[in-house]
Amino acid sequence: MLDTGHLRCTAYNLGVDVHAYARALPLDLVREMHVSGPQLTGGCLLDRHHALEDEDYALIEWLLERTQPQIVTLEYGGTGETVETPLRNDPVALQSQLVRLRRLIGLAATR
């Protein structure tokens, strides 16, 4: 299982290129991918399950070209007081992320 939020956070916080870091992983073994948007907080990139941004989609597309996940899971928002904000549980943002991910996954399936 590959978590793109964790991948981005780790690479950023280690000060290495995310693609170089990913290439060092056994991408041929990836069968499940979790995707989420991290957030820069206090100089650290943290996995906060925020909405995906263009940088996240670009990484996901790049990873889909190099992996064959059977499952792709969007980790967005959540429950509880700390995540009940418009940035983390917006139904419009959820729908747009799902539509864009479905397109990426569909493109990857035709390759």
PDB file of N, CA and C in Angstrom:
ATOM      1  N   MET A   1       0.843  -1.159   0.000  1.00  0.00           N
ATOM      2  CA  MET A   1       0.000   0.000   0.000  1.00  0.00           C
ATOM      3  C   MET A   1       0.897   1.234   0.000  1.00  0.00           C
ATOM      4  N   LEU A   2       0.564   2.158  -0.863  1.00  0.00           N
ATOM      5  CA  LEU A   2       1.319   3.406  -0.967  1.00  0.00           C
ATOM      6  C   LEU A   2       0.393   4.561  -0.618  1.00  0.00           C
ATOM      7  N   ASP A   3       0.809   5.392   0.297  1.00  0.00           N
ATOM      8  CA  ASP A   3       0.041   6.557   0.719  1.00  0.00           C
ATOM      9  C   ASP A   3       0.729   7.792   0.157  1.00  0.00           C
ATOM     10  N   THR A   4       0.074   8.477  -0.769  1.00  0.00           N
ATOM     11  CA  THR A   4       0.718   9.607  -1.438  1.00  0.00           C
ATOM     12  C   THR A   4       0.937  10.789  -0.499  1.00  0.00           C
ATOM     13  N   GLY A   5       0.043  10.973   0.471  1.00  0.00           N
ATOM     14  CA  GLY A   5       0.242  12.034   1.451  1.00  0.00           C
ATOM     15  C   GLY A   5       1.485  11.787   2.271  1.00  0.00           C
ATOM     16  N   HIS A   6       1.658  10.538   2.714  1.00  0.00           N
ATOM     17  CA  HIS A   6       2.847  10.182   3.486  1.00  0.00           C
ATOM     18  C   HIS A   6       4.096  10.302   2.619  1.00  0.00           C
ATOM     19  N   LEU A   7       3.998   9.893   1.369  1.00  0.00           N
ATOM     20  CA  LEU A   7       5.127   9.983   0.447  1.00  0.00           C
ATOM     21  C   LEU A   7       5.572  11.439   0.294  1.00  0.00           C
ATOM     22  N   ARG A   8       4.627  12.324   0.016  1.00  0.00           N
ATOM     23  CA  ARG A   8       4.976  13.740  -0.134  1.00  0.00           C
ATOM     24  C   ARG A   8       5.552  14.321   1.139  1.00  0.00           C
ATOM     25  N   CYS A   9       4.934  14.011   2.278  1.00  0.00           N
ATOM     26  CA  CYS A   9       5.410  14.552   3.555  1.00  0.00           C
ATOM     27  C   CYS A   9       6.827  14.086   3.859  1.00  0.00           C
ATOM     28  N   THR A  10       7.071  12.810   3.705  1.00  0.00           N
ATOM     29  CA  THR A  10       8.394  12.261   4.014  1.00  0.00           C
ATOM     30  C   THR A  10       9.457  12.871   3.116  1.00  0.00           C
ATOM     31  N   ALA A  11       9.200  12.907   1.813  1.00  0.00           N
ATOM     32  CA  ALA A  11      10.182  13.469   0.884  1.00  0.00           C
ATOM     33  C   ALA A  11      10.444  14.943   1.210  1.00  0.00           C
ATOM     34  N   TYR A  12       9.392  15.706   1.418  1.00  0.00           N
ATOM     35  CA  TYR A  12       9.533  17.126   1.723  1.00  0.00           C
ATOM     36  C   TYR A  12      10.328  17.335   3.008  1.00  0.00           C
ATOM     37  N   ASN A  13       9.950  16.606   4.050  1.00  0.00           N
ATOM     38  CA  ASN A  13      10.576  16.806   5.353  1.00  0.00           C
ATOM     39  C   ASN A  13      12.009  16.283   5.398  1.00  0.00           C
ATOM     40  N   LEU A  14      12.363  15.362   4.495  1.00  0.00           N
ATOM     41  CA  LEU A  14      13.755  14.916   4.374  1.00  0.00           C
ATOM     42  C   LEU A  14      14.552  15.802   3.428  1.00  0.00           C
ATOM     43  N   GLY A  15      13.848  16.659   2.688  1.00  0.00           N
ATOM     44  CA  GLY A  15      14.512  17.551   1.738  1.00  0.00           C
ATOM     45  C   GLY A  15      14.961  16.858   0.469  1.00  0.00           C
ATOM     46  N   VAL A  16      14.213  15.824   0.050  1.00  0.00           N
ATOM     47  CA  VAL A  16      14.559  15.102  -1.178  1.00  0.00           C
ATOM     48  C   VAL A  16      13.430  15.234  -2.190  1.00  0.00           C
ATOM     49  N   ASP A  17      13.753  15.037  -3.445  1.00  0.00           N
ATOM     50  CA  ASP A  17      12.774  15.078  -4.513  1.00  0.00           C
ATOM     51  C   ASP A  17      11.790  13.917  -4.351  1.00  0.00           C
ATOM     52  N   VAL A  18      10.498  14.230  -4.422  1.00  0.00           N
ATOM     53  CA  VAL A  18       9.478  13.200  -4.194  1.00  0.00           C
ATOM     54  C   VAL A  18       9.548  12.088  -5.228  1.00  0.00           C
ATOM     55  N   HIS A  19       9.892  12.417  -6.477  1.00  0.00           N
ATOM     56  CA  HIS A  19       9.983  11.381  -7.514  1.00  0.00           C
ATOM     57  C   HIS A  19      11.191  10.469  -7.281  1.00  0.00           C
ATOM     58  N   ALA A  20      12.309  11.056  -6.893  1.00  0.00           N
ATOM     59  CA  ALA A  20      13.492  10.249  -6.578  1.00  0.00           C
ATOM     60  C   ALA A  20      13.203   9.341  -5.387  1.00  0.00           C
ATOM     61  N   TYR A  21      12.524   9.888  -4.388  1.00  0.00           N
ATOM     62  CA  TYR A  21      12.178   9.090  -3.208  1.00  0.00           C
ATOM     63  C   TYR A  21      11.254   7.938  -3.600  1.00  0.00           C
ATOM     64  N   ALA A  22      10.272   8.220  -4.431  1.00  0.00           N
ATOM     65  CA  ALA A  22       9.327   7.180  -4.864  1.00  0.00           C
ATOM     66  C   ALA A  22      10.011   6.116  -5.707  1.00  0.00           C
ATOM     67  N   ARG A  23      10.943   6.534  -6.572  1.00  0.00           N
ATOM     68  CA  ARG A  23      11.639   5.550  -7.423  1.00  0.00           C
ATOM     69  C   ARG A  23      12.438   4.545  -6.603  1.00  0.00           C
ATOM     70  N   ALA A  24      12.810   4.921  -5.396  1.00  0.00           N
ATOM     71  CA  ALA A  24      13.570   4.009  -4.526  1.00  0.00           C
ATOM     72  C   ALA A  24      12.668   2.963  -3.863  1.00  0.00           C
ATOM     73  N   LEU A  25      11.362   3.122  -3.995  1.00  0.00           N
ATOM     74  CA  LEU A  25      10.408   2.175  -3.406  1.00  0.00           C
ATOM     75  C   LEU A  25      10.075   1.062  -4.399  1.00  0.00           C
ATOM     76  N   PRO A  26       9.604  -0.082  -3.918  1.00  0.00           N
ATOM     77  CA  PRO A  26       9.224  -1.173  -4.837  1.00  0.00           C
ATOM     78  C   PRO A  26       7.845  -0.904  -5.455  1.00  0.00           C
ATOM     79  N   LEU A  27       7.795   0.037  -6.390  1.00  0.00           N
ATOM     80  CA  LEU A  27       6.528   0.457  -6.982  1.00  0.00           C
ATOM     81  C   LEU A  27       5.801  -0.672  -7.699  1.00  0.00           C
ATOM     82  N   ASP A  28       6.545  -1.666  -8.157  1.00  0.00           N
ATOM     83  CA  ASP A  28       5.911  -2.789  -8.836  1.00  0.00           C
ATOM     84  C   ASP A  28       5.057  -3.633  -7.883  1.00  0.00           C
ATOM     85  N   LEU A  29       5.219  -3.445  -6.591  1.00  0.00           N
ATOM     86  CA  LEU A  29       4.446  -4.206  -5.600  1.00  0.00           C
ATOM     87  C   LEU A  29       3.200  -3.470  -5.116  1.00  0.00           C
ATOM     88  N   VAL A  30       3.003  -2.240  -5.555  1.00  0.00           N
ATOM     89  CA  VAL A  30       1.860  -1.454  -5.084  1.00  0.00           C
ATOM     90  C   VAL A  30       0.562  -2.056  -5.614  1.00  0.00           C
ATOM     91  N   ARG A  31      -0.349  -2.379  -4.698  1.00  0.00           N
ATOM     92  CA  ARG A  31      -1.662  -2.918  -5.068  1.00  0.00           C
ATOM     93  C   ARG A  31      -2.793  -2.033  -4.565  1.00  0.00           C
ATOM     94  N   GLU A  32      -2.448  -1.098  -3.675  1.00  0.00           N
ATOM     95  CA  GLU A  32      -3.433  -0.170  -3.142  1.00  0.00           C
ATOM     96  C   GLU A  32      -2.762   1.180  -2.963  1.00  0.00           C
ATOM     97  N   MET A  33      -3.496   2.232  -3.294  1.00  0.00           N
ATOM     98  CA  MET A  33      -2.963   3.579  -3.152  1.00  0.00           C
ATOM     99  C   MET A  33      -3.970   4.420  -2.370  1.00  0.00           C
ATOM    100  N   HIS A  34      -3.489   5.084  -1.334  1.00  0.00           N
ATOM    101  CA  HIS A  34      -4.284   6.045  -0.590  1.00  0.00           C
ATOM    102  C   HIS A  34      -3.805   7.424  -0.993  1.00  0.00           C
ATOM    103  N   VAL A  35      -4.731   8.319  -1.312  1.00  0.00           N
ATOM    104  CA  VAL A  35      -4.362   9.661  -1.748  1.00  0.00           C
ATOM    105  C   VAL A  35      -5.001  10.691  -0.822  1.00  0.00           C
ATOM    106  N   SER A  36      -4.219  11.692  -0.462  1.00  0.00           N
ATOM    107  CA  SER A  36      -4.723  12.777   0.383  1.00  0.00           C
ATOM    108  C   SER A  36      -3.834  13.993   0.207  1.00  0.00           C
ATOM    109  N   GLY A  37      -4.398  15.140   0.559  1.00  0.00           N
ATOM    110  CA  GLY A  37      -3.659  16.393   0.459  1.00  0.00           C
ATOM    111  C   GLY A  37      -3.009  16.758   1.777  1.00  0.00           C
ATOM    112  N   PRO A  38      -1.687  16.888   1.780  1.00  0.00           N
ATOM    113  CA  PRO A  38      -0.999  17.323   2.997  1.00  0.00           C
ATOM    114  C   PRO A  38      -1.099  18.836   3.170  1.00  0.00           C
ATOM    115  N   GLN A  39      -0.623  19.320   4.314  1.00  0.00           N
ATOM    116  CA  GLN A  39      -0.664  20.748   4.624  1.00  0.00           C
ATOM    117  C   GLN A  39       0.661  21.167   5.245  1.00  0.00           C
ATOM    118  N   LEU A  40       1.182  22.299   4.787  1.00  0.00           N
ATOM    119  CA  LEU A  40       2.403  22.856   5.358  1.00  0.00           C
ATOM    120  C   LEU A  40       2.051  23.561   6.665  1.00  0.00           C
ATOM    121  N   THR A  41       2.638  23.080   7.762  1.00  0.00           N
ATOM    122  CA  THR A  41       2.355  23.616   9.091  1.00  0.00           C
ATOM    123  C   THR A  41       3.668  23.787   9.839  1.00  0.00           C
ATOM    124  N   GLY A  42       3.985  24.999  10.198  1.00  0.00           N
ATOM    125  CA  GLY A  42       5.198  25.247  10.963  1.00  0.00           C
ATOM    126  C   GLY A  42       6.466  24.765  10.285  1.00  0.00           C
ATOM    127  N   GLY A  43       6.525  24.857   8.974  1.00  0.00           N
ATOM    128  CA  GLY A  43       7.711  24.442   8.237  1.00  0.00           C
ATOM    129  C   GLY A  43       7.771  22.964   7.915  1.00  0.00           C
ATOM    130  N   CYS A  44       6.807  22.187   8.397  1.00  0.00           N
ATOM    131  CA  CYS A  44       6.743  20.745   8.105  1.00  0.00           C
ATOM    132  C   CYS A  44       5.514  20.469   7.254  1.00  0.00           C
ATOM    133  N   LEU A  45       5.646  19.538   6.340  1.00  0.00           N
ATOM    134  CA  LEU A  45       4.498  19.095   5.566  1.00  0.00           C
ATOM    135  C   LEU A  45       3.874  17.938   6.332  1.00  0.00           C
ATOM    136  N   LEU A  46       2.583  18.056   6.656  1.00  0.00           N
ATOM    137  CA  LEU A  46       1.894  17.065   7.469  1.00  0.00           C
ATOM    138  C   LEU A  46       0.714  16.472   6.718  1.00  0.00           C
ATOM    139  N   ASP A  47       0.473  15.182   6.909  1.00  0.00           N
ATOM    140  CA  ASP A  47      -0.657  14.503   6.310  1.00  0.00           C
ATOM    141  C   ASP A  47      -1.911  14.901   7.076  1.00  0.00           C
ATOM    142  N   ARG A  48      -2.730  15.755   6.467  1.00  0.00           N
ATOM    143  CA  ARG A  48      -3.906  16.299   7.150  1.00  0.00           C
ATOM    144  C   ARG A  48      -5.217  15.933   6.453  1.00  0.00           C
ATOM    145  N   HIS A  49      -5.143  15.115   5.405  1.00  0.00           N
ATOM    146  CA  HIS A  49      -6.339  14.694   4.655  1.00  0.00           C
ATOM    147  C   HIS A  49      -7.116  15.895   4.111  1.00  0.00           C
ATOM    148  N   HIS A  50      -6.369  16.886   3.635  1.00  0.00           N
ATOM    149  CA  HIS A  50      -6.988  18.050   2.991  1.00  0.00           C
ATOM    150  C   HIS A  50      -7.302  17.709   1.541  1.00  0.00           C
ATOM    151  N   ALA A  51      -7.977  18.619   0.876  1.00  0.00           N
ATOM    152  CA  ALA A  51      -8.301  18.431  -0.535  1.00  0.00           C
ATOM    153  C   ALA A  51      -7.014  18.342  -1.357  1.00  0.00           C
ATOM    154  N   LEU A  52      -7.065  17.518  -2.386  1.00  0.00           N
ATOM    155  CA  LEU A  52      -5.925  17.366  -3.290  1.00  0.00           C
ATOM    156  C   LEU A  52      -5.720  18.660  -4.081  1.00  0.00           C
ATOM    157  N   GLU A  53      -4.458  18.971  -4.336  1.00  0.00           N
ATOM    158  CA  GLU A  53      -4.106  20.131  -5.147  1.00  0.00           C
ATOM    159  C   GLU A  53      -3.412  19.644  -6.410  1.00  0.00           C
ATOM    160  N   ASP A  54      -3.127  20.566  -7.331  1.00  0.00           N
ATOM    161  CA  ASP A  54      -2.522  20.179  -8.612  1.00  0.00           C
ATOM    162  C   ASP A  54      -1.260  19.346  -8.420  1.00  0.00           C
ATOM    163  N   GLU A  55      -0.441  19.707  -7.446  1.00  0.00           N
ATOM    164  CA  GLU A  55       0.788  18.956  -7.181  1.00  0.00           C
ATOM    165  C   GLU A  55       0.486  17.501  -6.800  1.00  0.00           C
ATOM    166  N   ASP A  56      -0.587  17.297  -6.042  1.00  0.00           N
ATOM    167  CA  ASP A  56      -0.989  15.947  -5.656  1.00  0.00           C
ATOM    168  C   ASP A  56      -1.451  15.154  -6.876  1.00  0.00           C
ATOM    169  N   TYR A  57      -2.280  15.776  -7.721  1.00  0.00           N
ATOM    170  CA  TYR A  57      -2.765  15.088  -8.913  1.00  0.00           C
ATOM    171  C   TYR A  57      -1.616  14.724  -9.849  1.00  0.00           C
ATOM    172  N   ALA A  58      -0.650  15.621  -9.979  1.00  0.00           N
ATOM    173  CA  ALA A  58       0.509  15.330 -10.837  1.00  0.00           C
ATOM    174  C   ALA A  58       1.283  14.131 -10.300  1.00  0.00           C
ATOM    175  N   LEU A  59       1.468  14.066  -8.996  1.00  0.00           N
ATOM    176  CA  LEU A  59       2.161  12.927  -8.396  1.00  0.00           C
ATOM    177  C   LEU A  59       1.355  11.647  -8.567  1.00  0.00           C
ATOM    178  N   ILE A  60       0.058  11.721  -8.357  1.00  0.00           N
ATOM    179  CA  ILE A  60      -0.799  10.542  -8.515  1.00  0.00           C
ATOM    180  C   ILE A  60      -0.722  10.030  -9.951  1.00  0.00           C
ATOM    181  N   GLU A  61      -0.805  10.934 -10.911  1.00  0.00           N
ATOM    182  CA  GLU A  61      -0.709  10.522 -12.317  1.00  0.00           C
ATOM    183  C   GLU A  61       0.640   9.857 -12.597  1.00  0.00           C
ATOM    184  N   TRP A  62       1.707  10.454 -12.102  1.00  0.00           N
ATOM    185  CA  TRP A  62       3.049   9.904 -12.283  1.00  0.00           C
ATOM    186  C   TRP A  62       3.132   8.505 -11.670  1.00  0.00           C
ATOM    187  N   LEU A  63       2.571   8.342 -10.471  1.00  0.00           N
ATOM    188  CA  LEU A  63       2.588   7.040  -9.792  1.00  0.00           C
ATOM    189  C   LEU A  63       1.738   6.014 -10.527  1.00  0.00           C
ATOM    190  N   LEU A  64       0.586   6.435 -11.053  1.00  0.00           N
ATOM    191  CA  LEU A  64      -0.274   5.497 -11.781  1.00  0.00           C
ATOM    192  C   LEU A  64       0.395   4.981 -13.049  1.00  0.00           C
ATOM    193  N   GLU A  65       1.328   5.759 -13.592  1.00  0.00           N
ATOM    194  CA  GLU A  65       2.089   5.308 -14.762  1.00  0.00           C
ATOM    195  C   GLU A  65       3.114   4.248 -14.387  1.00  0.00           C
ATOM    196  N   ARG A  66       3.418   4.122 -13.105  1.00  0.00           N
ATOM    197  CA  ARG A  66       4.480   3.221 -12.642  1.00  0.00           C
ATOM    198  C   ARG A  66       3.979   2.112 -11.712  1.00  0.00           C
ATOM    199  N   THR A  67       2.694   2.101 -11.431  1.00  0.00           N
ATOM    200  CA  THR A  67       2.120   1.113 -10.521  1.00  0.00           C
ATOM    201  C   THR A  67       0.852   0.537 -11.137  1.00  0.00           C
ATOM    202  N   GLN A  68       0.324  -0.482 -10.492  1.00  0.00           N
ATOM    203  CA  GLN A  68      -0.946  -1.062 -10.928  1.00  0.00           C
ATOM    204  C   GLN A  68      -1.833  -1.319  -9.713  1.00  0.00           C
ATOM    205  N   PRO A  69      -2.274  -0.259  -9.050  1.00  0.00           N
ATOM    206  CA  PRO A  69      -3.106  -0.469  -7.864  1.00  0.00           C
ATOM    207  C   PRO A  69      -4.472  -1.028  -8.248  1.00  0.00           C
ATOM    208  N   GLN A  70      -4.953  -1.934  -7.444  1.00  0.00           N
ATOM    209  CA  GLN A  70      -6.296  -2.472  -7.636  1.00  0.00           C
ATOM    210  C   GLN A  70      -7.325  -1.589  -6.938  1.00  0.00           C
ATOM    211  N   ILE A  71      -6.863  -0.835  -5.955  1.00  0.00           N
ATOM    212  CA  ILE A  71      -7.735   0.039  -5.173  1.00  0.00           C
ATOM    213  C   ILE A  71      -7.052   1.399  -5.030  1.00  0.00           C
ATOM    214  N   VAL A  72      -7.816   2.463  -5.230  1.00  0.00           N
ATOM    215  CA  VAL A  72      -7.350   3.817  -4.950  1.00  0.00           C
ATOM    216  C   VAL A  72      -8.380   4.440  -4.010  1.00  0.00           C
ATOM    217  N   THR A  73      -7.910   4.865  -2.849  1.00  0.00           N
ATOM    218  CA  THR A  73      -8.789   5.402  -1.818  1.00  0.00           C
ATOM    219  C   THR A  73      -8.472   6.872  -1.579  1.00  0.00           C
ATOM    220  N   LEU A  74      -9.500   7.715  -1.638  1.00  0.00           N
ATOM    221  CA  LEU A  74      -9.342   9.125  -1.303  1.00  0.00           C
ATOM    222  C   LEU A  74      -9.545   9.292   0.188  1.00  0.00           C
ATOM    223  N   GLU A  75      -8.541   9.852   0.851  1.00  0.00           N
ATOM    224  CA  GLU A  75      -8.634  10.161   2.278  1.00  0.00           C
ATOM    225  C   GLU A  75      -8.838  11.668   2.388  1.00  0.00           C
ATOM    226  N   TYR A  76     -10.067  12.057   2.678  1.00  0.00           N
ATOM    227  CA  TYR A  76     -10.393  13.477   2.719  1.00  0.00           C
ATOM    228  C   TYR A  76     -11.321  13.744   3.884  1.00  0.00           C
ATOM    229  N   GLY A  77     -11.006  14.767   4.663  1.00  0.00           N
ATOM    230  CA  GLY A  77     -11.889  15.188   5.743  1.00  0.00           C
ATOM    231  C   GLY A  77     -11.879  14.219   6.906  1.00  0.00           C
ATOM    232  N   GLY A  78     -13.032  13.963   7.423  1.00  0.00           N
ATOM    233  CA  GLY A  78     -13.149  13.072   8.560  1.00  0.00           C
ATOM    234  C   GLY A  78     -14.245  13.541   9.480  1.00  0.00           C
ATOM    235  N   THR A  79     -14.188  13.124  10.695  1.00  0.00           N
ATOM    236  CA  THR A  79     -15.205  13.519  11.669  1.00  0.00           C
ATOM    237  C   THR A  79     -14.528  14.062  12.913  1.00  0.00           C
ATOM    238  N   GLY A  80     -15.297  14.687  13.745  1.00  0.00           N
ATOM    239  CA  GLY A  80     -14.743  15.243  14.977  1.00  0.00           C
ATOM    240  C   GLY A  80     -14.515  16.730  14.858  1.00  0.00           C
ATOM    241  N   GLU A  81     -14.389  17.370  15.983  1.00  0.00           N
ATOM    242  CA  GLU A  81     -14.285  18.828  16.033  1.00  0.00           C
ATOM    243  C   GLU A  81     -13.120  19.369  15.211  1.00  0.00           C
ATOM    244  N   THR A  82     -11.981  18.695  15.222  1.00  0.00           N
ATOM    245  CA  THR A  82     -10.792  19.241  14.566  1.00  0.00           C
ATOM    246  C   THR A  82     -10.881  19.220  13.050  1.00  0.00           C
ATOM    247  N   VAL A  83     -11.772  18.445  12.479  1.00  0.00           N
ATOM    248  CA  VAL A  83     -11.857  18.400  11.017  1.00  0.00           C
ATOM    249  C   VAL A  83     -13.152  18.973  10.479  1.00  0.00           C
ATOM    250  N   GLU A  84     -13.990  19.490  11.328  1.00  0.00           N
ATOM    251  CA  GLU A  84     -15.264  20.034  10.870  1.00  0.00           C
ATOM    252  C   GLU A  84     -15.098  21.483  10.434  1.00  0.00           C
ATOM    253  N   THR A  85     -14.346  21.661   9.369  1.00  0.00           N
ATOM    254  CA  THR A  85     -14.155  22.977   8.784  1.00  0.00           C
ATOM    255  C   THR A  85     -14.447  22.866   7.300  1.00  0.00           C
ATOM    256  N   PRO A  86     -14.795  23.970   6.666  1.00  0.00           N
ATOM    257  CA  PRO A  86     -15.096  23.913   5.231  1.00  0.00           C
ATOM    258  C   PRO A  86     -13.950  23.346   4.389  1.00  0.00           C
ATOM    259  N   LEU A  87     -12.716  23.555   4.816  1.00  0.00           N
ATOM    260  CA  LEU A  87     -11.577  23.047   4.040  1.00  0.00           C
ATOM    261  C   LEU A  87     -11.454  21.530   4.103  1.00  0.00           C
ATOM    262  N   ARG A  88     -12.128  20.887   5.043  1.00  0.00           N
ATOM    263  CA  ARG A  88     -11.920  19.461   5.228  1.00  0.00           C
ATOM    264  C   ARG A  88     -13.166  18.615   5.077  1.00  0.00           C
ATOM    265  N   ASN A  89     -14.324  19.219   4.863  1.00  0.00           N
ATOM    266  CA  ASN A  89     -15.506  18.391   4.664  1.00  0.00           C
ATOM    267  C   ASN A  89     -16.482  19.027   3.685  1.00  0.00           C
ATOM    268  N   ASP A  90     -15.959  19.704   2.701  1.00  0.00           N
ATOM    269  CA  ASP A  90     -16.764  20.380   1.692  1.00  0.00           C
ATOM    270  C   ASP A  90     -17.249  19.366   0.655  1.00  0.00           C
ATOM    271  N   PRO A  91     -18.573  19.170   0.529  1.00  0.00           N
ATOM    272  CA  PRO A  91     -19.078  18.183  -0.429  1.00  0.00           C
ATOM    273  C   PRO A  91     -18.729  18.515  -1.878  1.00  0.00           C
ATOM    274  N   VAL A  92     -18.616  19.793  -2.211  1.00  0.00           N
ATOM    275  CA  VAL A  92     -18.235  20.179  -3.573  1.00  0.00           C
ATOM    276  C   VAL A  92     -16.784  19.777  -3.835  1.00  0.00           C
ATOM    277  N   ALA A  93     -15.910  20.023  -2.860  1.00  0.00           N
ATOM    278  CA  ALA A  93     -14.500  19.615  -2.995  1.00  0.00           C
ATOM    279  C   ALA A  93     -14.391  18.100  -3.088  1.00  0.00           C
ATOM    280  N   LEU A  94     -15.181  17.396  -2.312  1.00  0.00           N
ATOM    281  CA  LEU A  94     -15.169  15.933  -2.359  1.00  0.00           C
ATOM    282  C   LEU A  94     -15.569  15.445  -3.741  1.00  0.00           C
ATOM    283  N   GLN A  95     -16.647  15.983  -4.277  1.00  0.00           N
ATOM    284  CA  GLN A  95     -17.106  15.561  -5.603  1.00  0.00           C
ATOM    285  C   GLN A  95     -16.071  15.866  -6.678  1.00  0.00           C
ATOM    286  N   SER A  96     -15.494  17.059  -6.650  1.00  0.00           N
ATOM    287  CA  SER A  96     -14.519  17.419  -7.697  1.00  0.00           C
ATOM    288  C   SER A  96     -13.271  16.538  -7.611  1.00  0.00           C
ATOM    289  N   GLN A  97     -12.849  16.192  -6.397  1.00  0.00           N
ATOM    290  CA  GLN A  97     -11.698  15.299  -6.244  1.00  0.00           C
ATOM    291  C   GLN A  97     -12.011  13.917  -6.810  1.00  0.00           C
ATOM    292  N   LEU A  98     -13.183  13.404  -6.507  1.00  0.00           N
ATOM    293  CA  LEU A  98     -13.561  12.074  -6.989  1.00  0.00           C
ATOM    294  C   LEU A  98     -13.666  12.037  -8.510  1.00  0.00           C
ATOM    295  N   VAL A  99     -14.223  13.082  -9.093  1.00  0.00           N
ATOM    296  CA  VAL A  99     -14.342  13.152 -10.553  1.00  0.00           C
ATOM    297  C   VAL A  99     -12.949  13.186 -11.186  1.00  0.00           C
ATOM    298  N   ARG A 100     -12.073  14.022 -10.662  1.00  0.00           N
ATOM    299  CA  ARG A 100     -10.720  14.142 -11.231  1.00  0.00           C
ATOM    300  C   ARG A 100      -9.922  12.853 -11.048  1.00  0.00           C
ATOM    301  N   LEU A 101     -10.050  12.224  -9.885  1.00  0.00           N
ATOM    302  CA  LEU A 101      -9.363  10.949  -9.654  1.00  0.00           C
ATOM    303  C   LEU A 101      -9.878   9.870 -10.588  1.00  0.00           C
ATOM    304  N   ARG A 102     -11.177   9.850 -10.780  1.00  0.00           N
ATOM    305  CA  ARG A 102     -11.754   8.829 -11.678  1.00  0.00           C
ATOM    306  C   ARG A 102     -11.194   8.976 -13.085  1.00  0.00           C
ATOM    307  N   ARG A 103     -11.043  10.214 -13.543  1.00  0.00           N
ATOM    308  CA  ARG A 103     -10.447  10.464 -14.869  1.00  0.00           C
ATOM    309  C   ARG A 103      -9.009   9.940 -14.923  1.00  0.00           C
ATOM    310  N   LEU A 104      -8.220  10.249 -13.888  1.00  0.00           N
ATOM    311  CA  LEU A 104      -6.824   9.787 -13.850  1.00  0.00           C
ATOM    312  C   LEU A 104      -6.745   8.267 -13.845  1.00  0.00           C
ATOM    313  N   ILE A 105      -7.588   7.642 -13.049  1.00  0.00           N
ATOM    314  CA  ILE A 105      -7.575   6.189 -12.962  1.00  0.00           C
ATOM    315  C   ILE A 105      -8.016   5.584 -14.289  1.00  0.00           C
ATOM    316  N   GLY A 106      -9.009   6.182 -14.926  1.00  0.00           N
ATOM    317  CA  GLY A 106      -9.454   5.724 -16.236  1.00  0.00           C
ATOM    318  C   GLY A 106      -8.366   5.841 -17.287  1.00  0.00           C
ATOM    319  N   LEU A 107      -7.632   6.952 -17.257  1.00  0.00           N
ATOM    320  CA  LEU A 107      -6.512   7.125 -18.194  1.00  0.00           C
ATOM    321  C   LEU A 107      -5.447   6.072 -17.964  1.00  0.00           C
ATOM    322  N   ALA A 108      -5.145   5.801 -16.702  1.00  0.00           N
ATOM    323  CA  ALA A 108      -4.113   4.811 -16.374  1.00  0.00           C
ATOM    324  C   ALA A 108      -4.543   3.419 -16.825  1.00  0.00           C
ATOM    325  N   ALA A 109      -5.821   3.123 -16.736  1.00  0.00           N
ATOM    326  CA  ALA A 109      -6.316   1.797 -17.119  1.00  0.00           C
ATOM    327  C   ALA A 109      -6.207   1.560 -18.611  1.00  0.00           C
ATOM    328  N   THR A 110      -6.200   2.632 -19.404  1.00  0.00           N
ATOM    329  CA  THR A 110      -6.123   2.465 -20.868  1.00  0.00           C
ATOM    330  C   THR A 110      -4.697   2.378 -21.375  1.00  0.00           C
ATOM    331  N   ARG A 111      -3.729   2.557 -20.488  1.00  0.00           N
ATOM    332  CA  ARG A 111      -2.317   2.507 -20.915  1.00  0.00           C
ATOM    333  C   ARG A 111      -1.824   1.078 -20.961  1.00  0.00           C
TER     334      ARG A 111
END
